[in-house]
N, C-alpha and C. Protein backbone atom coordinates (compact mmCIF):
# COMPACT_ATOMS: atom_id res chain seq x y z
N MET A 1 -19.08 1.34 0.48
CA MET A 1 -18.30 2.57 0.42
C MET A 1 -17.23 2.51 1.52
N ALA A 2 -16.01 2.91 1.20
CA ALA A 2 -14.90 2.91 2.15
C ALA A 2 -15.15 3.90 3.28
N ARG A 3 -14.72 3.49 4.45
CA ARG A 3 -14.88 4.38 5.61
C ARG A 3 -13.81 5.46 5.60
N ALA A 4 -14.15 6.66 6.07
CA ALA A 4 -13.22 7.79 6.04
C ALA A 4 -11.96 7.45 6.81
N GLY A 5 -10.82 7.73 6.19
CA GLY A 5 -9.54 7.50 6.81
C GLY A 5 -8.99 6.09 6.61
N VAL A 6 -9.87 5.11 6.58
CA VAL A 6 -9.44 3.72 6.47
C VAL A 6 -8.91 3.41 5.07
N GLU A 7 -9.51 4.04 4.07
CA GLU A 7 -9.07 3.78 2.69
C GLU A 7 -7.61 4.09 2.47
N LEU A 8 -7.01 4.86 3.37
CA LEU A 8 -5.58 5.20 3.22
C LEU A 8 -4.73 4.04 3.67
N TYR A 9 -5.26 3.08 4.35
CA TYR A 9 -4.53 1.94 4.88
C TYR A 9 -5.20 0.64 4.42
N PRO A 10 -4.75 0.14 3.27
CA PRO A 10 -5.38 -1.06 2.69
C PRO A 10 -5.43 -2.25 3.65
N ALA A 11 -4.48 -2.37 4.54
CA ALA A 11 -4.48 -3.48 5.48
C ALA A 11 -5.68 -3.45 6.42
N LEU A 12 -6.28 -2.27 6.56
CA LEU A 12 -7.41 -2.10 7.46
C LEU A 12 -8.78 -2.21 6.76
N LEU A 13 -8.77 -2.48 5.48
CA LEU A 13 -10.01 -2.58 4.73
C LEU A 13 -10.77 -3.82 5.13
N THR A 14 -12.07 -3.73 5.11
CA THR A 14 -12.91 -4.92 5.31
C THR A 14 -12.76 -5.81 4.09
N ALA A 15 -13.20 -7.04 4.20
CA ALA A 15 -13.13 -7.97 3.06
C ALA A 15 -13.89 -7.41 1.85
N GLU A 16 -15.04 -6.78 2.11
CA GLU A 16 -15.81 -6.20 0.99
C GLU A 16 -15.07 -5.03 0.36
N GLU A 17 -14.46 -4.17 1.19
CA GLU A 17 -13.72 -3.05 0.67
C GLU A 17 -12.50 -3.50 -0.11
N GLN A 18 -11.83 -4.53 0.40
CA GLN A 18 -10.68 -5.08 -0.30
C GLN A 18 -11.08 -5.65 -1.66
N GLN A 19 -12.20 -6.32 -1.71
CA GLN A 19 -12.69 -6.89 -2.97
C GLN A 19 -13.02 -5.77 -3.97
N ARG A 20 -13.61 -4.71 -3.50
CA ARG A 20 -13.91 -3.57 -4.39
C ARG A 20 -12.62 -2.95 -4.93
N LEU A 21 -11.65 -2.81 -4.07
CA LEU A 21 -10.36 -2.23 -4.49
C LEU A 21 -9.72 -3.13 -5.54
N GLU A 22 -9.70 -4.42 -5.30
CA GLU A 22 -9.13 -5.35 -6.27
C GLU A 22 -9.85 -5.31 -7.59
N THR A 23 -11.20 -5.17 -7.54
CA THR A 23 -11.97 -5.11 -8.79
C THR A 23 -11.59 -3.88 -9.60
N VAL A 24 -11.49 -2.76 -8.91
CA VAL A 24 -11.17 -1.51 -9.61
C VAL A 24 -9.75 -1.57 -10.17
N LEU A 25 -8.81 -2.06 -9.40
CA LEU A 25 -7.44 -2.12 -9.85
C LEU A 25 -7.21 -3.13 -10.96
N THR A 26 -8.01 -4.19 -10.96
CA THR A 26 -7.94 -5.17 -12.03
C THR A 26 -8.46 -4.60 -13.35
N ALA A 27 -9.41 -3.69 -13.26
CA ALA A 27 -10.02 -3.12 -14.46
C ALA A 27 -9.11 -2.18 -15.22
N SER A 28 -8.08 -1.64 -14.55
CA SER A 28 -7.20 -0.65 -15.19
C SER A 28 -5.75 -0.89 -14.78
N THR A 29 -4.94 -1.31 -15.71
CA THR A 29 -3.53 -1.53 -15.40
C THR A 29 -2.82 -0.20 -15.06
N GLU A 30 -3.24 0.88 -15.71
CA GLU A 30 -2.64 2.18 -15.41
C GLU A 30 -2.99 2.63 -13.97
N LEU A 31 -4.25 2.47 -13.58
CA LEU A 31 -4.67 2.78 -12.24
C LEU A 31 -3.91 1.91 -11.24
N LYS A 32 -3.73 0.64 -11.56
CA LYS A 32 -3.01 -0.28 -10.66
C LYS A 32 -1.55 0.21 -10.48
N ARG A 33 -0.91 0.62 -11.56
CA ARG A 33 0.50 1.10 -11.46
C ARG A 33 0.55 2.36 -10.61
N CYS A 34 -0.41 3.28 -10.82
CA CYS A 34 -0.46 4.50 -10.04
C CYS A 34 -0.70 4.22 -8.57
N TYR A 35 -1.62 3.28 -8.30
CA TYR A 35 -1.93 2.90 -6.92
C TYR A 35 -0.69 2.29 -6.27
N ASP A 36 0.02 1.44 -6.99
CA ASP A 36 1.24 0.83 -6.44
C ASP A 36 2.30 1.89 -6.14
N LEU A 37 2.42 2.89 -7.02
CA LEU A 37 3.37 3.97 -6.75
C LEU A 37 2.96 4.74 -5.48
N LYS A 38 1.68 5.01 -5.38
CA LYS A 38 1.16 5.71 -4.20
C LYS A 38 1.45 4.92 -2.92
N GLU A 39 1.22 3.61 -2.98
CA GLU A 39 1.47 2.75 -1.83
C GLU A 39 2.96 2.71 -1.50
N SER A 40 3.81 2.65 -2.51
CA SER A 40 5.24 2.62 -2.24
C SER A 40 5.69 3.93 -1.60
N PHE A 41 5.11 5.04 -2.03
CA PHE A 41 5.41 6.34 -1.40
C PHE A 41 5.00 6.30 0.08
N ARG A 42 3.81 5.84 0.37
CA ARG A 42 3.32 5.80 1.74
C ARG A 42 4.21 4.88 2.59
N ASP A 43 4.61 3.76 2.03
CA ASP A 43 5.44 2.82 2.79
C ASP A 43 6.76 3.43 3.22
N TRP A 44 7.50 4.04 2.27
CA TRP A 44 8.79 4.59 2.67
C TRP A 44 8.61 5.83 3.54
N PHE A 45 7.57 6.63 3.28
CA PHE A 45 7.33 7.83 4.06
C PHE A 45 7.10 7.50 5.52
N GLU A 46 6.31 6.46 5.73
CA GLU A 46 5.96 6.07 7.13
C GLU A 46 7.08 5.35 7.86
N THR A 47 8.07 4.81 7.13
CA THR A 47 9.08 4.01 7.80
C THR A 47 10.48 4.63 7.80
N ALA A 48 10.66 5.75 7.15
CA ALA A 48 11.97 6.39 7.14
C ALA A 48 12.36 6.81 8.54
N PRO A 49 13.50 6.32 9.07
CA PRO A 49 13.86 6.63 10.42
C PRO A 49 14.44 8.04 10.63
N THR A 50 14.97 8.62 9.52
CA THR A 50 15.58 9.96 9.63
C THR A 50 15.23 10.77 8.38
N ARG A 51 15.42 12.06 8.47
CA ARG A 51 15.21 12.93 7.31
C ARG A 51 16.12 12.56 6.15
N GLN A 52 17.34 12.24 6.47
CA GLN A 52 18.28 11.86 5.43
C GLN A 52 17.83 10.61 4.68
N VAL A 53 17.39 9.59 5.39
CA VAL A 53 16.87 8.40 4.77
C VAL A 53 15.66 8.71 3.95
N ALA A 54 14.78 9.56 4.50
CA ALA A 54 13.57 9.94 3.77
C ALA A 54 13.96 10.67 2.46
N ALA A 55 14.94 11.53 2.49
CA ALA A 55 15.36 12.23 1.28
C ALA A 55 15.91 11.25 0.26
N GLU A 56 16.69 10.28 0.70
CA GLU A 56 17.24 9.27 -0.22
C GLU A 56 16.10 8.44 -0.84
N ARG A 57 15.14 8.06 -0.01
CA ARG A 57 14.03 7.26 -0.52
C ARG A 57 13.14 8.08 -1.46
N LEU A 58 13.01 9.37 -1.18
CA LEU A 58 12.23 10.20 -2.08
C LEU A 58 12.91 10.29 -3.45
N THR A 59 14.20 10.42 -3.45
CA THR A 59 14.94 10.45 -4.72
C THR A 59 14.73 9.15 -5.49
N GLU A 60 14.79 8.02 -4.79
CA GLU A 60 14.57 6.72 -5.43
C GLU A 60 13.12 6.63 -5.94
N TRP A 61 12.17 7.09 -5.15
CA TRP A 61 10.76 7.03 -5.57
C TRP A 61 10.51 7.91 -6.79
N LEU A 62 11.11 9.08 -6.79
CA LEU A 62 10.92 10.00 -7.94
C LEU A 62 11.48 9.38 -9.21
N ALA A 63 12.55 8.62 -9.09
CA ALA A 63 13.12 7.94 -10.25
C ALA A 63 12.14 6.88 -10.77
N LEU A 64 11.45 6.19 -9.85
CA LEU A 64 10.42 5.22 -10.23
C LEU A 64 9.30 5.90 -10.99
N VAL A 65 8.89 7.05 -10.48
CA VAL A 65 7.80 7.80 -11.10
C VAL A 65 8.20 8.21 -12.51
N GLN A 66 9.41 8.68 -12.66
CA GLN A 66 9.86 9.10 -14.01
C GLN A 66 9.87 7.93 -14.96
N VAL A 67 10.31 6.77 -14.51
CA VAL A 67 10.34 5.60 -15.36
C VAL A 67 8.92 5.15 -15.72
N SER A 68 7.96 5.37 -14.82
CA SER A 68 6.59 4.98 -15.06
C SER A 68 5.95 5.81 -16.15
N ARG A 69 6.44 7.02 -16.34
CA ARG A 69 5.93 7.97 -17.37
C ARG A 69 4.44 8.33 -17.20
N HIS A 70 3.98 8.27 -15.96
CA HIS A 70 2.60 8.69 -15.72
C HIS A 70 2.59 10.19 -15.57
N THR A 71 1.76 10.84 -16.38
CA THR A 71 1.68 12.30 -16.37
C THR A 71 0.98 12.82 -15.11
N ILE A 72 0.21 12.00 -14.46
CA ILE A 72 -0.52 12.45 -13.28
C ILE A 72 0.44 12.80 -12.14
N PHE A 73 1.60 12.19 -12.12
CA PHE A 73 2.59 12.47 -11.07
C PHE A 73 3.47 13.60 -11.53
């Protein structure tokens, strides 16, 4: 089972946790696409140097979500 808080940062997963994540994501292409979108959101959110850059990246990310056609987003 993933440790609280750590599951939000895949780079910090143990080898066992990483293997479990890969197994789950391999089992469902839709889940993998959603996970990748979530990770891309986290990446730009954490690295945007200014609010303006964050707003631009959000607009780009929302366009990716629309193209993905996932109703969950």
